[in-house]
Amino acid sequence: MIPGSITFDVTKISGNEIMISIVGYVIVFIALVVLYFVFFNLPKVIKFNIRRKLLKLGKIKQIDSIQEDISGEVNAAISMALYLHFNELHDEESHIMTIKRVARTYSPWSSKIYSVRNYFNRP
């Protein structure tokens, strides 16, 4: 045995520890399943609310007239167009950094006088 190593005896595990670990794993698994269903159905709920609001405002005549989903290619084209548009807002920069040294001889932040634990100067 290596000095300072921790030994683990499997015979000292009681039923309570096993039950706690099983319940913990089950809770985590159930939480992951619930999160999956929430994130899977969230777009459907949002579309339903938008359709209901548009129908109430009279913007659409029938609920079935709205397109169901936008394809991935359309989403990629829209996101690329937005990316290119927002990058054109900035001017071209020279990418040169200038560092100027400022001479400050005293700063209370670096002073040793104001240290928090000053045991030697106590009366």
PDB file of N, CA and C in Angstrom:
ATOM      1  N   MET A   1       0.848  -1.176   0.000  1.00  0.00           N
ATOM      2  CA  MET A   1       0.000   0.000   0.000  1.00  0.00           C
ATOM      3  C   MET A   1       0.892   1.236   0.000  1.00  0.00           C
ATOM      4  N   ILE A   2       0.477   2.254  -0.727  1.00  0.00           N
ATOM      5  CA  ILE A   2       1.222   3.502  -0.843  1.00  0.00           C
ATOM      6  C   ILE A   2       0.937   4.359   0.386  1.00  0.00           C
ATOM      7  N   PRO A   3       1.977   4.932   1.015  1.00  0.00           N
ATOM      8  CA  PRO A   3       1.733   5.775   2.185  1.00  0.00           C
ATOM      9  C   PRO A   3       0.931   7.018   1.798  1.00  0.00           C
ATOM     10  N   GLY A   4      -0.040   7.344   2.594  1.00  0.00           N
ATOM     11  CA  GLY A   4      -0.870   8.522   2.353  1.00  0.00           C
ATOM     12  C   GLY A   4      -2.025   8.266   1.412  1.00  0.00           C
ATOM     13  N   SER A   5      -2.174   7.044   0.909  1.00  0.00           N
ATOM     14  CA  SER A   5      -3.280   6.764   0.003  1.00  0.00           C
ATOM     15  C   SER A   5      -4.536   6.439   0.812  1.00  0.00           C
ATOM     16  N   ILE A   6      -5.660   6.616   0.187  1.00  0.00           N
ATOM     17  CA  ILE A   6      -6.943   6.377   0.843  1.00  0.00           C
ATOM     18  C   ILE A   6      -7.434   4.999   0.436  1.00  0.00           C
ATOM     19  N   THR A   7      -7.781   4.197   1.415  1.00  0.00           N
ATOM     20  CA  THR A   7      -8.316   2.879   1.117  1.00  0.00           C
ATOM     21  C   THR A   7      -9.832   2.951   1.195  1.00  0.00           C
ATOM     22  N   PHE A   8     -10.485   2.124   0.415  1.00  0.00           N
ATOM     23  CA  PHE A   8     -11.937   2.121   0.361  1.00  0.00           C
ATOM     24  C   PHE A   8     -12.420   0.700   0.531  1.00  0.00           C
ATOM     25  N   ASP A   9     -13.243   0.485   1.530  1.00  0.00           N
ATOM     26  CA  ASP A   9     -13.764  -0.846   1.810  1.00  0.00           C
ATOM     27  C   ASP A   9     -15.199  -0.929   1.309  1.00  0.00           C
ATOM     28  N   VAL A  10     -15.446  -1.790   0.339  1.00  0.00           N
ATOM     29  CA  VAL A  10     -16.761  -1.911  -0.278  1.00  0.00           C
ATOM     30  C   VAL A  10     -17.765  -2.515   0.691  1.00  0.00           C
ATOM     31  N   THR A  11     -17.325  -3.269   1.643  1.00  0.00           N
ATOM     32  CA  THR A  11     -18.256  -3.936   2.560  1.00  0.00           C
ATOM     33  C   THR A  11     -18.896  -2.959   3.535  1.00  0.00           C
ATOM     34  N   LYS A  12     -18.356  -1.736   3.656  1.00  0.00           N
ATOM     35  CA  LYS A  12     -18.920  -0.763   4.592  1.00  0.00           C
ATOM     36  C   LYS A  12     -20.039   0.070   3.975  1.00  0.00           C
ATOM     37  N   ILE A  13     -20.388  -0.178   2.711  1.00  0.00           N
ATOM     38  CA  ILE A  13     -21.480   0.564   2.073  1.00  0.00           C
ATOM     39  C   ILE A  13     -22.795  -0.052   2.524  1.00  0.00           C
ATOM     40  N   SER A  14     -23.661   0.797   3.084  1.00  0.00           N
ATOM     41  CA  SER A  14     -24.952   0.295   3.545  1.00  0.00           C
ATOM     42  C   SER A  14     -26.003   0.542   2.470  1.00  0.00           C
ATOM     43  N   GLY A  15     -27.186   0.080   2.733  1.00  0.00           N
ATOM     44  CA  GLY A  15     -28.293   0.237   1.786  1.00  0.00           C
ATOM     45  C   GLY A  15     -28.715   1.677   1.615  1.00  0.00           C
ATOM     46  N   ASN A  16     -28.497   2.502   2.660  1.00  0.00           N
ATOM     47  CA  ASN A  16     -28.887   3.911   2.563  1.00  0.00           C
ATOM     48  C   ASN A  16     -28.057   4.652   1.518  1.00  0.00           C
ATOM     49  N   GLU A  17     -26.765   4.394   1.488  1.00  0.00           N
ATOM     50  CA  GLU A  17     -25.914   5.060   0.502  1.00  0.00           C
ATOM     51  C   GLU A  17     -26.267   4.648  -0.914  1.00  0.00           C
ATOM     52  N   ILE A  18     -26.571   3.379  -1.097  1.00  0.00           N
ATOM     53  CA  ILE A  18     -26.961   2.896  -2.424  1.00  0.00           C
ATOM     54  C   ILE A  18     -28.288   3.529  -2.845  1.00  0.00           C
ATOM     55  N   MET A  19     -29.224   3.610  -1.913  1.00  0.00           N
ATOM     56  CA  MET A  19     -30.533   4.206  -2.223  1.00  0.00           C
ATOM     57  C   MET A  19     -30.391   5.689  -2.560  1.00  0.00           C
ATOM     58  N   ILE A  20     -29.557   6.417  -1.836  1.00  0.00           N
ATOM     59  CA  ILE A  20     -29.350   7.841  -2.107  1.00  0.00           C
ATOM     60  C   ILE A  20     -28.736   8.048  -3.487  1.00  0.00           C
ATOM     61  N   SER A  21     -27.773   7.199  -3.849  1.00  0.00           N
ATOM     62  CA  SER A  21     -27.152   7.352  -5.166  1.00  0.00           C
ATOM     63  C   SER A  21     -28.132   7.006  -6.280  1.00  0.00           C
ATOM     64  N   ILE A  22     -28.940   5.982  -6.104  1.00  0.00           N
ATOM     65  CA  ILE A  22     -29.924   5.613  -7.136  1.00  0.00           C
ATOM     66  C   ILE A  22     -30.973   6.708  -7.293  1.00  0.00           C
ATOM     67  N   VAL A  23     -31.467   7.224  -6.172  1.00  0.00           N
ATOM     68  CA  VAL A  23     -32.460   8.308  -6.241  1.00  0.00           C
ATOM     69  C   VAL A  23     -31.856   9.547  -6.904  1.00  0.00           C
ATOM     70  N   GLY A  24     -30.610   9.841  -6.625  1.00  0.00           N
ATOM     71  CA  GLY A  24     -29.958  10.993  -7.259  1.00  0.00           C
ATOM     72  C   GLY A  24     -29.856  10.841  -8.756  1.00  0.00           C
ATOM     73  N   TYR A  25     -29.437   9.650  -9.222  1.00  0.00           N
ATOM     74  CA  TYR A  25     -29.354   9.398 -10.660  1.00  0.00           C
ATOM     75  C   TYR A  25     -30.726   9.485 -11.324  1.00  0.00           C
ATOM     76  N   VAL A  26     -31.745   8.953 -10.669  1.00  0.00           N
ATOM     77  CA  VAL A  26     -33.101   8.992 -11.232  1.00  0.00           C
ATOM     78  C   VAL A  26     -33.596  10.431 -11.334  1.00  0.00           C
ATOM     79  N   ILE A  27     -33.349  11.244 -10.330  1.00  0.00           N
ATOM     80  CA  ILE A  27     -33.776  12.646 -10.355  1.00  0.00           C
ATOM     81  C   ILE A  27     -33.094  13.395 -11.491  1.00  0.00           C
ATOM     82  N   VAL A  28     -31.806  13.188 -11.669  1.00  0.00           N
ATOM     83  CA  VAL A  28     -31.084  13.863 -12.751  1.00  0.00           C
ATOM     84  C   VAL A  28     -31.605  13.405 -14.107  1.00  0.00           C
ATOM     85  N   PHE A  29     -31.846  12.116 -14.271  1.00  0.00           N
ATOM     86  CA  PHE A  29     -32.352  11.597 -15.538  1.00  0.00           C
ATOM     87  C   PHE A  29     -33.739  12.158 -15.847  1.00  0.00           C
ATOM     88  N   ILE A  30     -34.622  12.205 -14.855  1.00  0.00           N
ATOM     89  CA  ILE A  30     -35.968  12.757 -15.056  1.00  0.00           C
ATOM     90  C   ILE A  30     -35.884  14.242 -15.404  1.00  0.00           C
ATOM     91  N   ALA A  31     -34.989  14.976 -14.756  1.00  0.00           N
ATOM     92  CA  ALA A  31     -34.836  16.398 -15.062  1.00  0.00           C
ATOM     93  C   ALA A  31     -34.362  16.602 -16.498  1.00  0.00           C
ATOM     94  N   LEU A  32     -33.453  15.754 -16.978  1.00  0.00           N
ATOM     95  CA  LEU A  32     -32.982  15.853 -18.363  1.00  0.00           C
ATOM     96  C   LEU A  32     -34.096  15.538 -19.351  1.00  0.00           C
ATOM     97  N   VAL A  33     -34.917  14.553 -19.051  1.00  0.00           N
ATOM     98  CA  VAL A  33     -36.035  14.212 -19.934  1.00  0.00           C
ATOM     99  C   VAL A  33     -37.044  15.354 -19.978  1.00  0.00           C
ATOM    100  N   VAL A  34     -37.351  15.937 -18.831  1.00  0.00           N
ATOM    101  CA  VAL A  34     -38.287  17.066 -18.788  1.00  0.00           C
ATOM    102  C   VAL A  34     -37.735  18.252 -19.572  1.00  0.00           C
ATOM    103  N   LEU A  35     -36.453  18.556 -19.408  1.00  0.00           N
ATOM    104  CA  LEU A  35     -35.846  19.655 -20.166  1.00  0.00           C
ATOM    105  C   LEU A  35     -35.878  19.386 -21.672  1.00  0.00           C
ATOM    106  N   TYR A  36     -35.675  18.128 -22.065  1.00  0.00           N
ATOM    107  CA  TYR A  36     -35.744  17.785 -23.486  1.00  0.00           C
ATOM    108  C   TYR A  36     -37.133  18.093 -24.038  1.00  0.00           C
ATOM    109  N   PHE A  37     -38.174  17.676 -23.334  1.00  0.00           N
ATOM    110  CA  PHE A  37     -39.528  17.916 -23.828  1.00  0.00           C
ATOM    111  C   PHE A  37     -39.884  19.397 -23.820  1.00  0.00           C
ATOM    112  N   VAL A  38     -39.391  20.136 -22.837  1.00  0.00           N
ATOM    113  CA  VAL A  38     -39.652  21.577 -22.801  1.00  0.00           C
ATOM    114  C   VAL A  38     -39.014  22.263 -24.003  1.00  0.00           C
ATOM    115  N   PHE A  39     -37.740  21.979 -24.266  1.00  0.00           N
ATOM    116  CA  PHE A  39     -37.057  22.633 -25.374  1.00  0.00           C
ATOM    117  C   PHE A  39     -37.546  22.122 -26.729  1.00  0.00           C
ATOM    118  N   PHE A  40     -38.031  20.891 -26.791  1.00  0.00           N
ATOM    119  CA  PHE A  40     -38.552  20.356 -28.039  1.00  0.00           C
ATOM    120  C   PHE A  40     -39.888  20.997 -28.400  1.00  0.00           C
ATOM    121  N   ASN A  41     -40.735  21.275 -27.409  1.00  0.00           N
ATOM    122  CA  ASN A  41     -42.064  21.814 -27.656  1.00  0.00           C
ATOM    123  C   ASN A  41     -42.149  23.331 -27.558  1.00  0.00           C
ATOM    124  N   LEU A  42     -41.099  24.001 -27.148  1.00  0.00           N
ATOM    125  CA  LEU A  42     -41.128  25.454 -26.998  1.00  0.00           C
ATOM    126  C   LEU A  42     -41.422  26.187 -28.303  1.00  0.00           C
ATOM    127  N   PRO A  43     -40.832  25.825 -29.450  1.00  0.00           N
ATOM    128  CA  PRO A  43     -41.190  26.519 -30.692  1.00  0.00           C
ATOM    129  C   PRO A  43     -42.660  26.356 -31.070  1.00  0.00           C
ATOM    130  N   LYS A  44     -43.245  25.201 -30.788  1.00  0.00           N
ATOM    131  CA  LYS A  44     -44.653  24.991 -31.086  1.00  0.00           C
ATOM    132  C   LYS A  44     -45.537  25.909 -30.245  1.00  0.00           C
ATOM    133  N   VAL A  45     -45.191  26.074 -28.980  1.00  0.00           N
ATOM    134  CA  VAL A  45     -45.970  26.948 -28.102  1.00  0.00           C
ATOM    135  C   VAL A  45     -45.844  28.403 -28.552  1.00  0.00           C
ATOM    136  N   ILE A  46     -44.650  28.815 -28.930  1.00  0.00           N
ATOM    137  CA  ILE A  46     -44.444  30.199 -29.388  1.00  0.00           C
ATOM    138  C   ILE A  46     -45.212  30.447 -30.677  1.00  0.00           C
ATOM    139  N   LYS A  47     -45.172  29.501 -31.632  1.00  0.00           N
ATOM    140  CA  LYS A  47     -45.921  29.656 -32.876  1.00  0.00           C
ATOM    141  C   LYS A  47     -47.420  29.712 -32.613  1.00  0.00           C
ATOM    142  N   PHE A  48     -47.900  28.900 -31.688  1.00  0.00           N
ATOM    143  CA  PHE A  48     -49.322  28.913 -31.361  1.00  0.00           C
ATOM    144  C   PHE A  48     -49.737  30.272 -30.808  1.00  0.00           C
ATOM    145  N   ASN A  49     -48.928  30.848 -29.916  1.00  0.00           N
ATOM    146  CA  ASN A  49     -49.254  32.162 -29.358  1.00  0.00           C
ATOM    147  C   ASN A  49     -49.214  33.250 -30.424  1.00  0.00           C
ATOM    148  N   ILE A  50     -48.253  33.191 -31.336  1.00  0.00           N
ATOM    149  CA  ILE A  50     -48.168  34.189 -32.404  1.00  0.00           C
ATOM    150  C   ILE A  50     -49.374  34.078 -33.322  1.00  0.00           C
ATOM    151  N   ARG A  51     -49.742  32.860 -33.692  1.00  0.00           N
ATOM    152  CA  ARG A  51     -50.920  32.672 -34.540  1.00  0.00           C
ATOM    153  C   ARG A  51     -52.187  33.196 -33.876  1.00  0.00           C
ATOM    154  N   ARG A  52     -52.318  32.930 -32.594  1.00  0.00           N
ATOM    155  CA  ARG A  52     -53.516  33.371 -31.875  1.00  0.00           C
ATOM    156  C   ARG A  52     -53.590  34.896 -31.830  1.00  0.00           C
ATOM    157  N   LYS A  53     -52.445  35.560 -31.586  1.00  0.00           N
ATOM    158  CA  LYS A  53     -52.422  37.019 -31.556  1.00  0.00           C
ATOM    159  C   LYS A  53     -52.716  37.611 -32.929  1.00  0.00           C
ATOM    160  N   LEU A  54     -52.139  37.019 -33.996  1.00  0.00           N
ATOM    161  CA  LEU A  54     -52.404  37.517 -35.340  1.00  0.00           C
ATOM    162  C   LEU A  54     -53.850  37.302 -35.740  1.00  0.00           C
ATOM    163  N   LEU A  55     -54.434  36.206 -35.350  1.00  0.00           N
ATOM    164  CA  LEU A  55     -55.830  35.950 -35.648  1.00  0.00           C
ATOM    165  C   LEU A  55     -56.734  36.929 -34.908  1.00  0.00           C
ATOM    166  N   LYS A  56     -56.357  37.251 -33.671  1.00  0.00           N
ATOM    167  CA  LYS A  56     -57.138  38.187 -32.870  1.00  0.00           C
ATOM    168  C   LYS A  56     -57.053  39.604 -33.437  1.00  0.00           C
ATOM    169  N   LEU A  57     -55.887  39.988 -33.962  1.00  0.00           N
ATOM    170  CA  LEU A  57     -55.711  41.317 -34.548  1.00  0.00           C
ATOM    171  C   LEU A  57     -56.279  41.414 -35.961  1.00  0.00           C
ATOM    172  N   GLY A  58     -56.621  40.304 -36.571  1.00  0.00           N
ATOM    173  CA  GLY A  58     -57.173  40.305 -37.914  1.00  0.00           C
ATOM    174  C   GLY A  58     -56.119  40.350 -39.000  1.00  0.00           C
ATOM    175  N   LYS A  59     -54.879  40.091 -38.683  1.00  0.00           N
ATOM    176  CA  LYS A  59     -53.808  40.108 -39.679  1.00  0.00           C
ATOM    177  C   LYS A  59     -53.903  38.902 -40.612  1.00  0.00           C
ATOM    178  N   ILE A  60     -54.395  37.805 -40.108  1.00  0.00           N
ATOM    179  CA  ILE A  60     -54.558  36.616 -40.940  1.00  0.00           C
ATOM    180  C   ILE A  60     -56.013  36.185 -40.866  1.00  0.00           C
ATOM    181  N   LYS A  61     -56.459  35.555 -41.934  1.00  0.00           N
ATOM    182  CA  LYS A  61     -57.853  35.097 -41.984  1.00  0.00           C
ATOM    183  C   LYS A  61     -57.996  33.695 -41.414  1.00  0.00           C
ATOM    184  N   GLN A  62     -57.044  32.837 -41.771  1.00  0.00           N
ATOM    185  CA  GLN A  62     -57.108  31.464 -41.313  1.00  0.00           C
ATOM    186  C   GLN A  62     -55.784  31.102 -40.649  1.00  0.00           C
ATOM    187  N   ILE A  63     -55.844  30.183 -39.745  1.00  0.00           N
ATOM    188  CA  ILE A  63     -54.642  29.764 -39.027  1.00  0.00           C
ATOM    189  C   ILE A  63     -53.728  28.942 -39.927  1.00  0.00           C
ATOM    190  N   ASP A  64     -54.263  28.206 -40.888  1.00  0.00           N
ATOM    191  CA  ASP A  64     -53.455  27.322 -41.728  1.00  0.00           C
ATOM    192  C   ASP A  64     -52.663  28.059 -42.798  1.00  0.00           C
ATOM    193  N   SER A  65     -52.868  29.366 -42.968  1.00  0.00           N
ATOM    194  CA  SER A  65     -52.209  30.081 -44.051  1.00  0.00           C
ATOM    195  C   SER A  65     -50.753  30.428 -43.741  1.00  0.00           C
ATOM    196  N   ILE A  66     -50.309  30.250 -42.514  1.00  0.00           N
ATOM    197  CA  ILE A  66     -48.930  30.573 -42.140  1.00  0.00           C
ATOM    198  C   ILE A  66     -48.033  29.370 -42.411  1.00  0.00           C
ATOM    199  N   GLN A  67     -46.868  29.639 -42.946  1.00  0.00           N
ATOM    200  CA  GLN A  67     -45.902  28.579 -43.212  1.00  0.00           C
ATOM    201  C   GLN A  67     -45.431  27.971 -41.893  1.00  0.00           C
ATOM    202  N   GLU A  68     -45.308  26.656 -41.846  1.00  0.00           N
ATOM    203  CA  GLU A  68     -44.966  25.962 -40.603  1.00  0.00           C
ATOM    204  C   GLU A  68     -43.544  26.228 -40.149  1.00  0.00           C
ATOM    205  N   ASP A  69     -42.575  25.826 -40.957  1.00  0.00           N
ATOM    206  CA  ASP A  69     -41.183  25.942 -40.535  1.00  0.00           C
ATOM    207  C   ASP A  69     -40.362  26.611 -41.630  1.00  0.00           C
ATOM    208  N   ILE A  70     -39.290  27.236 -41.207  1.00  0.00           N
ATOM    209  CA  ILE A  70     -38.335  27.806 -42.148  1.00  0.00           C
ATOM    210  C   ILE A  70     -37.171  26.826 -42.225  1.00  0.00           C
ATOM    211  N   SER A  71     -36.717  26.533 -43.437  1.00  0.00           N
ATOM    212  CA  SER A  71     -35.668  25.532 -43.597  1.00  0.00           C
ATOM    213  C   SER A  71     -34.334  26.055 -43.073  1.00  0.00           C
ATOM    214  N   GLY A  72     -33.394  25.149 -42.904  1.00  0.00           N
ATOM    215  CA  GLY A  72     -32.070  25.508 -42.408  1.00  0.00           C
ATOM    216  C   GLY A  72     -31.300  26.383 -43.380  1.00  0.00           C
ATOM    217  N   GLU A  73     -31.528  26.173 -44.693  1.00  0.00           N
ATOM    218  CA  GLU A  73     -30.836  26.991 -45.694  1.00  0.00           C
ATOM    219  C   GLU A  73     -31.282  28.443 -45.611  1.00  0.00           C
ATOM    220  N   VAL A  74     -32.580  28.647 -45.399  1.00  0.00           N
ATOM    221  CA  VAL A  74     -33.096  30.014 -45.286  1.00  0.00           C
ATOM    222  C   VAL A  74     -32.554  30.669 -44.026  1.00  0.00           C
ATOM    223  N   ASN A  75     -32.521  29.931 -42.924  1.00  0.00           N
ATOM    224  CA  ASN A  75     -31.963  30.478 -41.687  1.00  0.00           C
ATOM    225  C   ASN A  75     -30.489  30.836 -41.857  1.00  0.00           C
ATOM    226  N   ALA A  76     -29.734  29.991 -42.555  1.00  0.00           N
ATOM    227  CA  ALA A  76     -28.314  30.267 -42.776  1.00  0.00           C
ATOM    228  C   ALA A  76     -28.131  31.501 -43.641  1.00  0.00           C
ATOM    229  N   ALA A  77     -28.969  31.673 -44.677  1.00  0.00           N
ATOM    230  CA  ALA A  77     -28.861  32.847 -45.548  1.00  0.00           C
ATOM    231  C   ALA A  77     -29.200  34.126 -44.795  1.00  0.00           C
ATOM    232  N   ILE A  78     -30.233  34.081 -43.967  1.00  0.00           N
ATOM    233  CA  ILE A  78     -30.616  35.262 -43.188  1.00  0.00           C
ATOM    234  C   ILE A  78     -29.529  35.626 -42.194  1.00  0.00           C
ATOM    235  N   SER A  79     -28.981  34.628 -41.498  1.00  0.00           N
ATOM    236  CA  SER A  79     -27.946  34.921 -40.500  1.00  0.00           C
ATOM    237  C   SER A  79     -26.671  35.442 -41.162  1.00  0.00           C
ATOM    238  N   MET A  80     -26.315  34.927 -42.341  1.00  0.00           N
ATOM    239  CA  MET A  80     -25.124  35.423 -43.044  1.00  0.00           C
ATOM    240  C   MET A  80     -25.329  36.851 -43.515  1.00  0.00           C
ATOM    241  N   ALA A  81     -26.533  37.169 -43.993  1.00  0.00           N
ATOM    242  CA  ALA A  81     -26.819  38.532 -44.424  1.00  0.00           C
ATOM    243  C   ALA A  81     -26.757  39.503 -43.244  1.00  0.00           C
ATOM    244  N   LEU A  82     -27.290  39.103 -42.099  1.00  0.00           N
ATOM    245  CA  LEU A  82     -27.225  39.963 -40.913  1.00  0.00           C
ATOM    246  C   LEU A  82     -25.787  40.140 -40.446  1.00  0.00           C
ATOM    247  N   TYR A  83     -24.999  39.083 -40.483  1.00  0.00           N
ATOM    248  CA  TYR A  83     -23.590  39.160 -40.080  1.00  0.00           C
ATOM    249  C   TYR A  83     -22.822  40.126 -40.974  1.00  0.00           C
ATOM    250  N   LEU A  84     -23.020  40.002 -42.276  1.00  0.00           N
ATOM    251  CA  LEU A  84     -22.328  40.899 -43.208  1.00  0.00           C
ATOM    252  C   LEU A  84     -22.802  42.334 -43.051  1.00  0.00           C
ATOM    253  N   HIS A  85     -24.073  42.523 -42.801  1.00  0.00           N
ATOM    254  CA  HIS A  85     -24.603  43.880 -42.627  1.00  0.00           C
ATOM    255  C   HIS A  85     -24.025  44.551 -41.383  1.00  0.00           C
ATOM    256  N   PHE A  86     -23.999  43.834 -40.277  1.00  0.00           N
ATOM    257  CA  PHE A  86     -23.511  44.437 -39.038  1.00  0.00           C
ATOM    258  C   PHE A  86     -21.999  44.610 -39.032  1.00  0.00           C
ATOM    259  N   ASN A  87     -21.256  43.840 -39.804  1.00  0.00           N
ATOM    260  CA  ASN A  87     -19.812  44.037 -39.889  1.00  0.00           C
ATOM    261  C   ASN A  87     -19.447  45.239 -40.738  1.00  0.00           C
ATOM    262  N   GLU A  88     -20.339  45.661 -41.633  1.00  0.00           N
ATOM    263  CA  GLU A  88     -20.067  46.826 -42.459  1.00  0.00           C
ATOM    264  C   GLU A  88     -20.262  48.127 -41.696  1.00  0.00           C
ATOM    265  N   LEU A  89     -20.851  48.075 -40.513  1.00  0.00           N
ATOM    266  CA  LEU A  89     -21.094  49.285 -39.740  1.00  0.00           C
ATOM    267  C   LEU A  89     -19.806  49.866 -39.167  1.00  0.00           C
ATOM    268  N   HIS A  90     -18.786  49.050 -39.007  1.00  0.00           N
ATOM    269  CA  HIS A  90     -17.541  49.513 -38.417  1.00  0.00           C
ATOM    270  C   HIS A  90     -16.560  49.928 -39.507  1.00  0.00           C
ATOM    271  N   ASP A  91     -15.754  50.924 -39.206  1.00  0.00           N
ATOM    272  CA  ASP A  91     -14.713  51.340 -40.136  1.00  0.00           C
ATOM    273  C   ASP A  91     -13.562  50.346 -40.085  1.00  0.00           C
ATOM    274  N   GLU A  92     -12.767  50.366 -41.123  1.00  0.00           N
ATOM    275  CA  GLU A  92     -11.559  49.543 -41.111  1.00  0.00           C
ATOM    276  C   GLU A  92     -10.570  50.164 -40.124  1.00  0.00           C
ATOM    277  N   GLU A  93     -10.036  49.355 -39.275  1.00  0.00           N
ATOM    278  CA  GLU A  93      -9.113  49.841 -38.268  1.00  0.00           C
ATOM    279  C   GLU A  93      -7.697  49.400 -38.616  1.00  0.00           C
ATOM    280  N   SER A  94      -6.728  50.145 -38.113  1.00  0.00           N
ATOM    281  CA  SER A  94      -5.344  49.845 -38.450  1.00  0.00           C
ATOM    282  C   SER A  94      -4.761  48.706 -37.623  1.00  0.00           C
ATOM    283  N   HIS A  95      -5.423  48.313 -36.550  1.00  0.00           N
ATOM    284  CA  HIS A  95      -4.989  47.235 -35.666  1.00  0.00           C
ATOM    285  C   HIS A  95      -3.597  47.491 -35.084  1.00  0.00           C
ATOM    286  N   ILE A  96      -3.309  48.739 -34.777  1.00  0.00           N
ATOM    287  CA  ILE A  96      -2.037  49.101 -34.149  1.00  0.00           C
ATOM    288  C   ILE A  96      -2.351  49.569 -32.734  1.00  0.00           C
ATOM    289  N   MET A  97      -1.687  48.964 -31.769  1.00  0.00           N
ATOM    290  CA  MET A  97      -1.874  49.375 -30.387  1.00  0.00           C
ATOM    291  C   MET A  97      -0.686  50.198 -29.941  1.00  0.00           C
ATOM    292  N   THR A  98      -0.976  51.291 -29.255  1.00  0.00           N
ATOM    293  CA  THR A  98       0.076  52.136 -28.711  1.00  0.00           C
ATOM    294  C   THR A  98      -0.034  52.084 -27.198  1.00  0.00           C
ATOM    295  N   ILE A  99       1.058  51.750 -26.540  1.00  0.00           N
ATOM    296  CA  ILE A  99       1.079  51.670 -25.085  1.00  0.00           C
ATOM    297  C   ILE A  99       1.956  52.800 -24.572  1.00  0.00           C
ATOM    298  N   LYS A 100       1.349  53.655 -23.758  1.00  0.00           N
ATOM    299  CA  LYS A 100       2.108  54.756 -23.163  1.00  0.00           C
ATOM    300  C   LYS A 100       2.291  54.471 -21.689  1.00  0.00           C
ATOM    301  N   ARG A 101       3.506  54.631 -21.230  1.00  0.00           N
ATOM    302  CA  ARG A 101       3.796  54.405 -19.825  1.00  0.00           C
ATOM    303  C   ARG A 101       3.497  55.681 -19.043  1.00  0.00           C
ATOM    304  N   VAL A 102       2.675  55.548 -18.011  1.00  0.00           N
ATOM    305  CA  VAL A 102       2.321  56.684 -17.184  1.00  0.00           C
ATOM    306  C   VAL A 102       3.118  56.561 -15.891  1.00  0.00           C
ATOM    307  N   ALA A 103       3.795  57.619 -15.534  1.00  0.00           N
ATOM    308  CA  ALA A 103       4.639  57.595 -14.341  1.00  0.00           C
ATOM    309  C   ALA A 103       3.824  58.005 -13.124  1.00  0.00           C
ATOM    310  N   ARG A 104       3.421  57.033 -12.350  1.00  0.00           N
ATOM    311  CA  ARG A 104       2.746  57.291 -11.080  1.00  0.00           C
ATOM    312  C   ARG A 104       3.614  56.643 -10.006  1.00  0.00           C
ATOM    313  N   THR A 105       4.209  57.462  -9.212  1.00  0.00           N
ATOM    314  CA  THR A 105       5.140  56.916  -8.229  1.00  0.00           C
ATOM    315  C   THR A 105       4.434  56.367  -6.997  1.00  0.00           C
ATOM    316  N   TYR A 106       3.263  56.883  -6.671  1.00  0.00           N
ATOM    317  CA  TYR A 106       2.589  56.432  -5.455  1.00  0.00           C
ATOM    318  C   TYR A 106       1.167  56.008  -5.788  1.00  0.00           C
ATOM    319  N   SER A 107       0.804  54.851  -5.296  1.00  0.00           N
ATOM    320  CA  SER A 107      -0.564  54.377  -5.417  1.00  0.00           C
ATOM    321  C   SER A 107      -0.927  53.708  -4.099  1.00  0.00           C
ATOM    322  N   PRO A 108      -2.036  54.095  -3.490  1.00  0.00           N
ATOM    323  CA  PRO A 108      -2.397  53.472  -2.209  1.00  0.00           C
ATOM    324  C   PRO A 108      -2.752  51.997  -2.351  1.00  0.00           C
ATOM    325  N   TRP A 109      -3.036  51.544  -3.558  1.00  0.00           N
ATOM    326  CA  TRP A 109      -3.371  50.139  -3.743  1.00  0.00           C
ATOM    327  C   TRP A 109      -2.145  49.242  -3.591  1.00  0.00           C
ATOM    328  N   SER A 110      -1.005  49.757  -3.936  1.00  0.00           N
ATOM    329  CA  SER A 110       0.195  48.923  -3.831  1.00  0.00           C
ATOM    330  C   SER A 110       1.028  49.244  -2.594  1.00  0.00           C
ATOM    331  N   SER A 111       0.533  50.085  -1.725  1.00  0.00           N
ATOM    332  CA  SER A 111       1.295  50.472  -0.551  1.00  0.00           C
ATOM    333  C   SER A 111       1.253  49.377   0.507  1.00  0.00           C
ATOM    334  N   LYS A 112       2.371  49.106   1.113  1.00  0.00           N
ATOM    335  CA  LYS A 112       2.451  48.073   2.152  1.00  0.00           C
ATOM    336  C   LYS A 112       1.968  48.588   3.513  1.00  0.00           C
ATOM    337  N   ILE A 113       1.805  49.890   3.627  1.00  0.00           N
ATOM    338  CA  ILE A 113       1.370  50.468   4.907  1.00  0.00           C
ATOM    339  C   ILE A 113      -0.058  50.058   5.222  1.00  0.00           C
ATOM    340  N   TYR A 114      -0.892  49.982   4.188  1.00  0.00           N
ATOM    341  CA  TYR A 114      -2.310  49.731   4.383  1.00  0.00           C
ATOM    342  C   TYR A 114      -2.681  48.262   4.269  1.00  0.00           C
ATOM    343  N   SER A 115      -1.780  47.388   4.619  1.00  0.00           N
ATOM    344  CA  SER A 115      -2.086  45.965   4.502  1.00  0.00           C
ATOM    345  C   SER A 115      -3.141  45.565   5.523  1.00  0.00           C
ATOM    346  N   VAL A 116      -3.927  44.562   5.198  1.00  0.00           N
ATOM    347  CA  VAL A 116      -5.044  44.150   6.049  1.00  0.00           C
ATOM    348  C   VAL A 116      -4.554  43.430   7.300  1.00  0.00           C
ATOM    349  N   ARG A 117      -3.588  42.577   7.142  1.00  0.00           N
ATOM    350  CA  ARG A 117      -3.090  41.806   8.288  1.00  0.00           C
ATOM    351  C   ARG A 117      -1.681  42.285   8.629  1.00  0.00           C
ATOM    352  N   ASN A 118      -1.618  43.229   9.488  1.00  0.00           N
ATOM    353  CA  ASN A 118      -0.336  43.788   9.878  1.00  0.00           C
ATOM    354  C   ASN A 118      -0.102  43.394  11.342  1.00  0.00           C
ATOM    355  N   TYR A 119       0.434  42.206  11.581  1.00  0.00           N
ATOM    356  CA  TYR A 119       0.595  41.676  12.935  1.00  0.00           C
ATOM    357  C   TYR A 119       1.793  42.282  13.666  1.00  0.00           C
ATOM    358  N   PHE A 120       2.776  42.762  12.950  1.00  0.00           N
ATOM    359  CA  PHE A 120       3.990  43.188  13.613  1.00  0.00           C
ATOM    360  C   PHE A 120       3.879  44.587  14.224  1.00  0.00           C
ATOM    361  N   ASN A 121       2.996  45.417  13.733  1.00  0.00           N
ATOM    362  CA  ASN A 121       2.867  46.769  14.241  1.00  0.00           C
ATOM    363  C   ASN A 121       1.774  46.924  15.283  1.00  0.00           C
ATOM    364  N   ARG A 122       1.226  45.847  15.775  1.00  0.00           N
ATOM    365  CA  ARG A 122       0.199  45.938  16.808  1.00  0.00           C
ATOM    366  C   ARG A 122       0.831  46.193  18.175  1.00  0.00           C
ATOM    367  N   PRO A 123       0.166  46.991  18.998  1.00  0.00           N
ATOM    368  CA  PRO A 123       0.728  47.261  20.346  1.00  0.00           C
ATOM    369  C   PRO A 123       0.575  46.092  21.289  1.00  0.00           C
TER     370      PRO A 123
END
